[in-house]
Protein backbone atom coordinates (compact mmCIF):
# COMPACT_ATOMS: atom_id res chain seq x y z
CA UNK A 1 -23.78 41.66 -10.28
CA UNK A 2 -22.84 38.03 -10.17
CA UNK A 3 -24.15 36.12 -7.08
CA UNK A 4 -21.67 35.39 -4.49
CA UNK A 5 -21.15 31.48 -3.74
CA UNK A 6 -20.94 30.19 -0.32
CA UNK A 7 -22.74 26.91 -0.30
CA UNK A 8 -24.60 25.65 2.73
CA UNK A 9 -24.31 21.95 1.48
CA UNK A 10 -21.37 19.96 -0.02
CA UNK A 11 -21.06 16.54 -1.45
CA UNK A 12 -18.55 14.44 -3.30
CA UNK A 13 -19.24 12.41 -6.12
CA UNK A 14 -17.13 9.29 -7.21
CA UNK A 15 -17.33 7.53 -10.69
CA UNK A 16 -15.20 4.42 -11.96
CA UNK A 17 -14.84 3.10 -15.32
CA UNK A 18 -12.87 0.05 -15.97
CA UNK A 19 -10.78 0.33 -19.17
CA UNK A 20 -8.34 -2.11 -20.99
CA UNK A 21 -5.60 0.24 -19.70
CA UNK A 22 -6.65 0.05 -16.08
CA UNK A 23 -9.24 1.52 -13.72
CA UNK A 24 -10.30 5.18 -13.92
CA UNK A 25 -11.63 6.73 -10.76
CA UNK A 26 -12.93 10.44 -10.78
CA UNK A 27 -14.07 12.58 -7.78
CA UNK A 28 -15.82 15.87 -8.01
CA UNK A 29 -17.28 17.96 -5.53
CA UNK A 30 -20.89 19.25 -5.72
CA UNK A 31 -22.68 22.22 -3.78
CA UNK A 32 -26.18 23.56 -3.20
CA UNK A 33 -28.01 26.13 -0.93
CA UNK A 34 -31.31 24.10 -0.95
CA UNK A 35 -30.42 20.40 0.35
CA UNK A 36 -27.78 17.83 0.73
CA UNK A 37 -29.56 15.66 -2.01
CA UNK A 38 -28.94 18.46 -4.42
CA UNK A 39 -25.41 19.12 -3.46
CA UNK A 40 -24.95 15.09 -4.25
CA UNK A 41 -26.70 15.44 -7.65
CA UNK A 42 -24.40 18.23 -8.71
CA UNK A 43 -21.25 16.29 -7.65
CA UNK A 44 -22.45 13.18 -9.34
CA UNK A 45 -23.01 15.32 -12.57
CA UNK A 46 -19.84 17.02 -12.07
CA UNK A 47 -18.16 13.54 -11.73
CA UNK A 48 -19.88 12.03 -14.73
CA UNK A 49 -18.75 15.34 -16.95
CA UNK A 50 -15.42 14.94 -15.86
CA UNK A 51 -15.05 11.19 -16.40
CA UNK A 52 -16.22 11.56 -20.09
CA UNK A 53 -13.66 14.21 -20.48
CA UNK A 54 -10.97 12.23 -19.26
CA UNK A 55 -12.06 9.18 -21.41
CA UNK A 56 -11.99 11.62 -24.17
CA UNK A 57 -8.32 12.06 -23.64
CA UNK A 58 -8.56 15.71 -21.84
CA UNK A 59 -5.64 16.35 -19.29
CA UNK A 60 -7.35 17.13 -16.23
CA UNK A 61 -7.10 16.17 -12.57
CA UNK A 62 -8.94 13.12 -11.45
CA UNK A 63 -9.67 14.61 -8.14
CA UNK A 64 -10.37 17.87 -6.70
CA UNK A 65 -8.22 18.60 -3.54
CA UNK A 66 -9.37 20.34 -0.44
CA UNK A 67 -7.81 23.92 -0.70
CA UNK A 68 -8.39 27.02 1.04
CA UNK A 69 -9.92 30.31 0.01
CA UNK A 70 -7.06 31.68 -1.56
CA UNK A 71 -6.16 28.35 -3.61
CA UNK A 72 -9.55 27.81 -4.76
CA UNK A 73 -9.89 28.06 -8.79
CA UNK A 74 -13.35 27.77 -9.87
CA UNK A 75 -14.74 26.14 -6.81
CA UNK A 76 -17.13 28.15 -4.46
CA UNK A 77 -15.71 29.14 -0.94
CA UNK A 78 -15.57 25.84 0.82
CA UNK A 79 -16.03 27.20 4.64
CA UNK A 80 -18.27 26.60 7.24
CA UNK A 81 -21.27 29.09 7.39
CA UNK A 82 -21.28 30.60 10.97
CA UNK A 83 -24.32 33.16 10.21
CA UNK A 84 -26.21 34.93 7.46
CA UNK A 85 -27.03 38.59 7.34
CA UNK A 86 -28.92 39.58 4.23
CA UNK A 87 -26.57 39.03 1.29
CA UNK A 88 -23.55 38.82 3.76
CA UNK A 89 -22.09 35.67 5.00
CA UNK A 90 -19.94 35.14 8.01
CA UNK A 91 -17.62 31.82 7.64
CA UNK A 92 -14.90 29.87 9.37
CA UNK A 93 -11.53 30.05 7.38
CA UNK A 94 -9.30 27.17 6.87
CA UNK A 95 -7.06 28.34 9.77
CA UNK A 96 -10.12 29.00 12.23
CA UNK A 97 -10.93 32.66 11.84
CA UNK A 98 -14.25 34.30 11.11
CA UNK A 99 -14.44 36.07 7.99
CA UNK A 100 -17.20 38.38 6.51
CA UNK A 101 -17.98 37.61 2.93
CA UNK A 102 -20.25 40.41 1.06
CA UNK A 103 -21.20 40.42 -2.68
CA UNK A 104 -20.79 44.32 -3.00
CA UNK A 105 -19.50 46.19 -0.06
CA UNK A 106 -15.91 46.90 -0.60
CA UNK A 107 -13.16 45.86 1.70
CA UNK A 108 -9.53 46.41 0.90
CA UNK A 109 -6.33 45.23 3.13
CA UNK A 110 -3.31 47.32 2.43
CA UNK A 111 -0.23 45.41 3.99
CA UNK A 112 2.96 47.13 5.22
CA UNK A 113 5.37 44.33 4.52
CA UNK A 114 8.41 44.23 2.40
CA UNK A 115 7.45 43.99 -1.38
CA UNK A 116 8.27 40.98 -3.13
CA UNK A 117 11.64 41.17 -5.12
CA UNK A 118 10.98 41.03 -8.93
CA UNK A 119 12.02 37.64 -10.21
CA UNK A 120 13.28 39.32 -13.41
CA UNK A 121 15.81 41.40 -11.18
CA UNK A 122 17.18 38.46 -9.44
CA UNK A 123 17.51 35.84 -12.39
CA UNK A 124 19.65 37.95 -14.69
CA UNK A 125 22.80 38.31 -12.32
CA UNK A 126 22.08 34.74 -11.11
CA UNK A 127 22.02 32.97 -14.14
CA UNK A 128 25.17 35.12 -15.50
CA UNK A 129 27.02 34.12 -12.37
CA UNK A 130 25.96 30.40 -13.09
CA UNK A 131 27.25 30.46 -16.42
CA UNK A 132 30.63 31.88 -15.50
CA UNK A 133 30.63 29.35 -12.90
CA UNK A 134 30.37 26.40 -15.74
CA UNK A 135 32.93 28.14 -17.83
CA UNK A 136 35.47 28.64 -14.91
CA UNK A 137 34.78 25.70 -12.63
CA UNK A 138 37.18 23.29 -14.00
CA UNK A 139 36.43 19.74 -12.72
CA UNK A 140 34.11 20.64 -10.39
CA UNK A 141 32.13 23.30 -12.60
CA UNK A 142 28.67 22.05 -11.88
CA UNK A 143 28.92 22.30 -8.16
CA UNK A 144 30.81 25.77 -8.85
CA UNK A 145 28.19 26.94 -11.04
CA UNK A 146 25.20 25.91 -8.53
CA UNK A 147 26.95 27.66 -5.95
CA UNK A 148 27.52 30.85 -7.75
CA UNK A 149 23.91 30.88 -8.96
CA UNK A 150 22.53 30.45 -5.50
CA UNK A 151 24.98 32.84 -3.91
CA UNK A 152 24.25 35.63 -6.32
CA UNK A 153 20.51 35.06 -6.02
CA UNK A 154 20.63 35.31 -2.24
CA UNK A 155 23.11 38.56 -2.58
CA UNK A 156 20.75 40.35 -4.98
CA UNK A 157 17.78 39.52 -2.94
CA UNK A 158 19.46 40.85 0.22
CA UNK A 159 20.65 44.02 -1.81
CA UNK A 160 17.06 44.52 -3.22
CA UNK A 161 15.32 44.40 0.28
CA UNK A 162 18.01 46.73 1.98
CA UNK A 163 17.53 49.30 -1.06
CA UNK A 164 13.67 49.08 -0.68
CA UNK A 165 13.79 49.62 3.22
CA UNK A 166 16.10 52.54 2.81
CA UNK A 167 13.91 54.09 0.12
CA UNK A 168 10.89 53.61 2.47
CA UNK A 169 12.74 55.09 5.44
CA UNK A 170 13.71 58.18 3.16
CA UNK A 171 9.86 58.45 2.17
CA UNK A 172 8.75 58.31 5.70
CA UNK A 173 8.08 54.71 6.17
CA UNK A 174 5.99 52.01 4.62
CA UNK A 175 2.95 53.39 7.04
CA UNK A 176 3.16 56.78 5.91
CA UNK A 177 3.38 55.69 2.35
CA UNK A 178 0.46 53.55 2.52
CA UNK A 179 -1.49 56.17 4.02
CA UNK A 180 -0.62 58.81 1.51
CA UNK A 181 -1.98 56.40 -1.27
CA UNK A 182 -5.20 56.54 0.60
CA UNK A 183 -5.60 59.82 0.98
CA UNK A 184 -4.50 60.64 -2.87
CA UNK A 185 -7.59 58.28 -3.92
CA UNK A 186 -9.77 60.05 -1.60
CA UNK A 187 -8.53 63.70 -3.10
CA UNK A 188 -8.90 62.75 -6.57
CA UNK A 189 -12.34 61.10 -6.14
CA UNK A 190 -15.04 63.73 -4.66
CA UNK A 191 -17.63 62.30 -3.19
CA UNK A 192 -15.84 59.24 -2.05
CA UNK A 193 -16.09 58.20 1.89
CA UNK A 194 -13.53 55.58 3.03
CA UNK A 195 -13.42 54.22 6.46
CA UNK A 196 -9.76 53.39 7.81
CA UNK A 197 -8.89 50.91 10.21
CA UNK A 198 -5.44 49.57 11.56
CA UNK A 199 -4.70 45.95 11.27
CA UNK A 200 -1.59 43.94 12.68
CA UNK A 201 -0.33 43.92 9.25
CA UNK A 202 -1.42 47.35 7.95
CA UNK A 203 -4.63 49.03 6.98
CA UNK A 204 -8.04 48.05 6.13
CA UNK A 205 -10.55 50.23 4.15
CA UNK A 206 -14.15 49.90 3.80
CA UNK A 207 -15.63 51.98 0.96
CA UNK A 208 -18.98 53.61 2.21
CA UNK A 209 -20.16 55.67 -0.51
CA UNK A 210 -21.47 53.16 -2.85
CA UNK A 211 -21.63 49.65 -3.96
CA UNK A 212 -19.05 47.85 -6.06
CA UNK A 213 -18.95 44.58 -8.48
CA UNK A 214 -15.82 42.87 -7.35
CA UNK A 215 -15.16 42.33 -11.36
CA UNK A 216 -15.49 45.96 -12.05
CA UNK A 217 -13.22 48.63 -13.53
CA UNK A 218 -14.17 50.80 -10.23
CA UNK A 219 -13.10 48.39 -7.91
CA UNK A 220 -9.77 47.46 -9.87
CA UNK A 221 -9.06 51.20 -9.90
CA UNK A 222 -9.22 51.36 -6.36
CA UNK A 223 -7.21 48.20 -5.35
CA UNK A 224 -4.55 49.32 -7.53
CA UNK A 225 -4.37 52.70 -6.31
CA UNK A 226 -4.06 51.37 -2.81
CA UNK A 227 -1.64 48.64 -4.00
CA UNK A 228 -3.72 45.91 -2.51
CA UNK A 229 -2.56 42.24 -2.27
CA UNK A 230 -3.17 40.86 -5.85
CA UNK A 231 -4.04 37.32 -4.57
CA UNK A 232 -7.17 38.98 -2.61
CA UNK A 233 -8.05 40.98 -5.68
CA UNK A 234 -7.80 37.78 -7.98
CA UNK A 235 -9.92 36.13 -5.55
CA UNK A 236 -12.43 38.75 -5.27
CA UNK A 237 -13.24 38.44 -8.64
CA UNK A 238 -13.37 34.59 -8.86
CA UNK A 239 -15.69 34.11 -5.77
CA UNK A 240 -17.97 37.30 -6.39
CA UNK A 241 -17.22 39.04 -3.16
CA UNK A 242 -15.24 41.16 -0.69
CA UNK A 243 -13.80 39.66 2.26
CA UNK A 244 -12.51 40.84 5.80
CA UNK A 245 -11.41 38.84 8.58
CA UNK A 246 -13.27 39.60 11.67
CA UNK A 247 -11.59 37.52 14.57
CA UNK A 248 -8.09 36.91 15.22
CA UNK A 249 -5.31 34.77 13.56
CA UNK A 250 -4.89 31.61 16.18
CA UNK A 251 -1.31 31.90 16.40
CA UNK A 252 -1.63 35.51 17.46
CA UNK A 253 -3.55 34.70 20.43
CA UNK A 254 -1.63 31.70 21.78
CA UNK A 255 -3.49 28.90 19.71
CA UNK A 256 -0.36 26.87 18.33
CA UNK A 257 -2.04 24.00 16.90
CA UNK A 258 -3.71 24.17 13.87
CA UNK A 259 -7.53 23.63 13.17
CA UNK A 260 -8.41 19.97 13.24
CA UNK A 261 -8.64 18.17 11.06
CA UNK A 262 -6.15 19.32 8.58
CA UNK A 263 -6.27 21.22 6.04
CA UNK A 264 -9.33 22.91 7.71
CA UNK A 265 -11.35 23.23 4.74
CA UNK A 266 -15.05 22.42 4.85
CA UNK A 267 -17.03 19.99 4.76
CA UNK A 268 -15.70 17.91 7.79
CA UNK A 269 -16.54 14.04 7.91
CA UNK A 270 -19.12 13.59 10.55
CA UNK A 271 -16.24 11.30 12.63
CA UNK A 272 -13.88 14.28 12.87
CA UNK A 273 -16.28 16.71 13.84
CA UNK A 274 -15.61 15.99 17.66
CA UNK A 275 -12.04 17.17 17.20
CA UNK A 276 -12.80 20.26 15.46
CA UNK A 277 -15.36 21.50 17.73
CA UNK A 278 -12.78 20.94 20.60
CA UNK A 279 -10.36 23.08 18.83
CA UNK A 280 -13.03 25.73 17.94
CA UNK A 281 -14.19 26.02 21.72
CA UNK A 282 -10.37 26.89 22.83
CA UNK A 283 -10.25 29.32 20.14
CA UNK A 284 -13.57 31.15 20.55
CA UNK A 285 -12.57 31.55 24.48
CA UNK A 286 -9.28 32.87 23.45
CA UNK A 287 -10.39 35.41 20.91
CA UNK A 288 -12.74 36.99 23.37
CA UNK A 289 -9.93 39.39 24.72
CA UNK A 290 -8.63 40.43 21.15
CA UNK A 291 -9.82 42.83 18.00
CA UNK A 292 -9.22 41.92 14.60
CA UNK A 293 -8.78 45.78 13.44
CA UNK A 294 -9.25 49.07 15.31
CA UNK A 295 -11.09 52.13 13.68
CA UNK A 296 -8.83 54.83 12.93
CA UNK A 297 -10.75 57.74 10.69
CA UNK A 298 -13.00 58.27 8.03
CA UNK A 299 -11.70 60.01 4.94
CA UNK A 300 -13.61 61.90 2.28
CA UNK A 301 -16.58 64.20 1.71
CA UNK A 302 -19.16 61.52 0.48
CA UNK A 303 -22.04 60.24 2.39
CA UNK A 304 -22.60 56.57 3.39
CA UNK A 305 -25.02 54.42 1.23
CA UNK A 306 -27.74 53.02 2.98
CA UNK A 307 -26.90 49.52 1.97
CA UNK A 308 -23.55 49.51 3.20
CA UNK A 309 -24.61 50.83 6.84
CA UNK A 310 -25.62 47.24 8.08
CA UNK A 311 -22.50 45.89 6.77
CA UNK A 312 -20.51 48.35 8.24
CA UNK A 313 -22.11 48.07 11.63
CA UNK A 314 -21.75 44.08 11.51
CA UNK A 315 -18.12 44.31 10.62
CA UNK A 316 -17.36 46.82 13.48
CA UNK A 317 -19.23 44.64 16.07
CA UNK A 318 -17.80 41.43 15.05
CA UNK A 319 -14.27 42.74 14.67
CA UNK A 320 -14.39 44.71 17.77
CA UNK A 321 -12.94 47.69 15.83
CA UNK A 322 -14.13 50.18 18.20
CA UNK A 323 -12.76 48.24 21.15
CA UNK A 324 -9.83 49.02 23.07
CA UNK A 325 -8.64 45.54 22.88
CA UNK A 326 -5.41 44.46 21.46
CA UNK A 327 -5.25 43.51 17.66
CA UNK A 328 -4.31 40.04 16.60
């Protein structure tokens, strides 16, 4: 399995090159598990390689923005490490919550929200309405076309959502459908053992019967069978790990202010760490009265793999999954 990457040290390298057409400045991040010096050397090397490519005419960004976990592309998880537990790492994400990252113990969240309306289903009627508006709109045909396009888009979107909600209600609701998908997977996979939790948005599943490679076909099959969030699935592959939030979301426990400084991505400039620490202290105190999920059931006839047990125990302790606290 590819190693999970949550580096301890970060640095930014910057290079400038004066050309006849002006100055070219390139910035790149570097990282290391060994030292700040190695992180800086890595950053400088990446900046040098990027500058060379730009001077050769490659259309690449001159600066890598600070983006949260689900926006990263080719960059390791840029989060503060809170604790290490064997191969598992607990980090603070961009909005301040604790996340458990593990290279081979599979977590999967199954949300119960309304499915997204397919774009292709919306655009056809909307474009047709827009074209009709151009044809019949007279002297104001552009405005009529825009109004027809947007109005039809909204109407079709509303109709689609209404249809999906009605279909779900007839089938027993989103919660029943999600549980049915989980049960079907368990029945079709003898020897499987899934631990089921309730989250504020749906369910969380922990696979106990084996270890998984995030990029494997087996993990993909489970994700698809449970209809997991495609963004989460993609990030599991890119970051070589599975992930579970194990502390409450701030806005669900009365913390209205965002993690300071924005955007909350690690590393933080030393001059701003005091402001961050102030926010963290308030969050940690408020979070004591909440769990991030609640244990519901264990499904399947399999046995828990020895390597999974400590991760499951860690998850349940950090998330307070077996407590009676409200989930947030």
